[in-house]
């Protein structure tokens, strides 16, 4: 026999559904942030081009990750893709 619908059971099930939806939205948001935070950058250091994948949010942070010396001539440009 099926369980009867009572106001208390209805509220409990609704809270469970809301909690599951909130958890799903949170996981989707974190997942999308992790995917979009990754960047590919082409660095030219002393005439030598190097492609680097990083999660850094700024150029100084990227250079700190790469442990570059500050007296080097460095230019950074986005890598070219074959889409254009």
C-alpha atoms as a PDB file:
ATOM      1  CA  UNK A   1       0.000   0.000   0.000  1.00  0.00           C
ATOM      2  CA  UNK A   2       1.308   3.442  -0.898  1.00  0.00           C
ATOM      3  CA  UNK A   3       2.203   5.887   1.824  1.00  0.00           C
ATOM      4  CA  UNK A   4      -0.287   8.650   2.404  1.00  0.00           C
ATOM      5  CA  UNK A   5       0.499  12.255   1.602  1.00  0.00           C
ATOM      6  CA  UNK A   6       0.580  14.299   4.754  1.00  0.00           C
ATOM      7  CA  UNK A   7       1.594  17.955   5.058  1.00  0.00           C
ATOM      8  CA  UNK A   8       4.673  17.002   7.081  1.00  0.00           C
ATOM      9  CA  UNK A   9       5.820  14.433   4.502  1.00  0.00           C
ATOM     10  CA  UNK A  10       5.145  16.887   1.656  1.00  0.00           C
ATOM     11  CA  UNK A  11       7.320  19.569   3.336  1.00  0.00           C
ATOM     12  CA  UNK A  12      10.085  17.057   4.068  1.00  0.00           C
ATOM     13  CA  UNK A  13      10.199  15.828   0.463  1.00  0.00           C
ATOM     14  CA  UNK A  14      10.154  19.402  -0.830  1.00  0.00           C
ATOM     15  CA  UNK A  15      13.131  20.284   1.396  1.00  0.00           C
ATOM     16  CA  UNK A  16      15.012  17.254   0.099  1.00  0.00           C
ATOM     17  CA  UNK A  17      14.304  18.281  -3.526  1.00  0.00           C
ATOM     18  CA  UNK A  18      15.441  21.843  -2.848  1.00  0.00           C
ATOM     19  CA  UNK A  19      18.655  20.608  -1.180  1.00  0.00           C
ATOM     20  CA  UNK A  20      19.418  18.282  -4.112  1.00  0.00           C
ATOM     21  CA  UNK A  21      18.814  21.093  -6.625  1.00  0.00           C
ATOM     22  CA  UNK A  22      21.036  23.483  -4.650  1.00  0.00           C
ATOM     23  CA  UNK A  23      23.806  20.891  -4.508  1.00  0.00           C
ATOM     24  CA  UNK A  24      23.513  20.238  -8.265  1.00  0.00           C
ATOM     25  CA  UNK A  25      23.699  23.961  -9.076  1.00  0.00           C
ATOM     26  CA  UNK A  26      26.723  24.377  -6.787  1.00  0.00           C
ATOM     27  CA  UNK A  27      28.540  21.436  -8.374  1.00  0.00           C
ATOM     28  CA  UNK A  28      27.767  22.688 -11.880  1.00  0.00           C
ATOM     29  CA  UNK A  29      29.040  26.174 -10.999  1.00  0.00           C
ATOM     30  CA  UNK A  30      32.276  24.859  -9.511  1.00  0.00           C
ATOM     31  CA  UNK A  31      32.770  22.562 -12.498  1.00  0.00           C
ATOM     32  CA  UNK A  32      32.281  25.354 -15.019  1.00  0.00           C
ATOM     33  CA  UNK A  33      34.647  27.622 -13.102  1.00  0.00           C
ATOM     34  CA  UNK A  34      37.319  24.923 -13.086  1.00  0.00           C
ATOM     35  CA  UNK A  35      36.931  24.383 -16.830  1.00  0.00           C
ATOM     36  CA  UNK A  36      36.929  28.068 -17.797  1.00  0.00           C
ATOM     37  CA  UNK A  37      39.690  29.174 -15.412  1.00  0.00           C
ATOM     38  CA  UNK A  38      42.307  27.219 -17.375  1.00  0.00           C
ATOM     39  CA  UNK A  39      44.143  29.352 -19.943  1.00  0.00           C
ATOM     40  CA  UNK A  40      46.695  28.663 -22.666  1.00  0.00           C
ATOM     41  CA  UNK A  41      49.247  31.459 -23.137  1.00  0.00           C
ATOM     42  CA  UNK A  42      52.172  31.806 -25.541  1.00  0.00           C
ATOM     43  CA  UNK A  43      55.204  33.379 -23.823  1.00  0.00           C
ATOM     44  CA  UNK A  44      58.170  34.752 -25.736  1.00  0.00           C
ATOM     45  CA  UNK A  45      61.244  34.813 -23.514  1.00  0.00           C
ATOM     46  CA  UNK A  46      64.513  36.041 -25.084  1.00  0.00           C
ATOM     47  CA  UNK A  47      63.171  35.247 -28.554  1.00  0.00           C
ATOM     48  CA  UNK A  48      62.088  31.708 -27.631  1.00  0.00           C
ATOM     49  CA  UNK A  49      58.328  31.045 -27.737  1.00  0.00           C
ATOM     50  CA  UNK A  50      56.851  28.694 -25.169  1.00  0.00           C
ATOM     51  CA  UNK A  51      53.174  27.693 -24.838  1.00  0.00           C
ATOM     52  CA  UNK A  52      52.035  27.443 -21.223  1.00  0.00           C
ATOM     53  CA  UNK A  53      48.782  26.179 -19.702  1.00  0.00           C
ATOM     54  CA  UNK A  54      47.923  27.949 -16.442  1.00  0.00           C
ATOM     55  CA  UNK A  55      45.205  28.806 -13.951  1.00  0.00           C
ATOM     56  CA  UNK A  56      46.856  32.148 -13.096  1.00  0.00           C
ATOM     57  CA  UNK A  57      44.598  35.206 -13.137  1.00  0.00           C
ATOM     58  CA  UNK A  58      47.288  37.752 -14.032  1.00  0.00           C
ATOM     59  CA  UNK A  59      50.550  37.966 -15.966  1.00  0.00           C
ATOM     60  CA  UNK A  60      52.730  38.572 -12.866  1.00  0.00           C
ATOM     61  CA  UNK A  61      51.202  35.487 -11.248  1.00  0.00           C
ATOM     62  CA  UNK A  62      51.908  33.462 -14.403  1.00  0.00           C
ATOM     63  CA  UNK A  63      55.512  34.609 -14.420  1.00  0.00           C
ATOM     64  CA  UNK A  64      55.814  33.764 -10.730  1.00  0.00           C
ATOM     65  CA  UNK A  65      54.519  30.258 -11.477  1.00  0.00           C
ATOM     66  CA  UNK A  66      57.058  29.905 -14.283  1.00  0.00           C
ATOM     67  CA  UNK A  67      59.841  31.215 -12.000  1.00  0.00           C
ATOM     68  CA  UNK A  68      60.985  33.654 -14.690  1.00  0.00           C
ATOM     69  CA  UNK A  69      63.763  36.106 -13.947  1.00  0.00           C
ATOM     70  CA  UNK A  70      62.493  39.716 -13.826  1.00  0.00           C
ATOM     71  CA  UNK A  71      65.286  41.134 -16.037  1.00  0.00           C
ATOM     72  CA  UNK A  72      64.252  39.116 -19.115  1.00  0.00           C
ATOM     73  CA  UNK A  73      62.431  40.693 -22.043  1.00  0.00           C
ATOM     74  CA  UNK A  74      58.991  39.076 -22.030  1.00  0.00           C
ATOM     75  CA  UNK A  75      55.944  39.599 -24.217  1.00  0.00           C
ATOM     76  CA  UNK A  76      52.744  37.643 -23.916  1.00  0.00           C
ATOM     77  CA  UNK A  77      50.127  37.162 -26.639  1.00  0.00           C
ATOM     78  CA  UNK A  78      47.178  34.823 -26.941  1.00  0.00           C
ATOM     79  CA  UNK A  79      48.009  31.766 -29.044  1.00  0.00           C
ATOM     80  CA  UNK A  80      46.676  31.695 -32.578  1.00  0.00           C
ATOM     81  CA  UNK A  81      44.100  29.085 -33.431  1.00  0.00           C
ATOM     82  CA  UNK A  82      43.144  27.741 -36.812  1.00  0.00           C
ATOM     83  CA  UNK A  83      39.530  28.863 -36.406  1.00  0.00           C
ATOM     84  CA  UNK A  84      39.799  32.305 -38.028  1.00  0.00           C
END
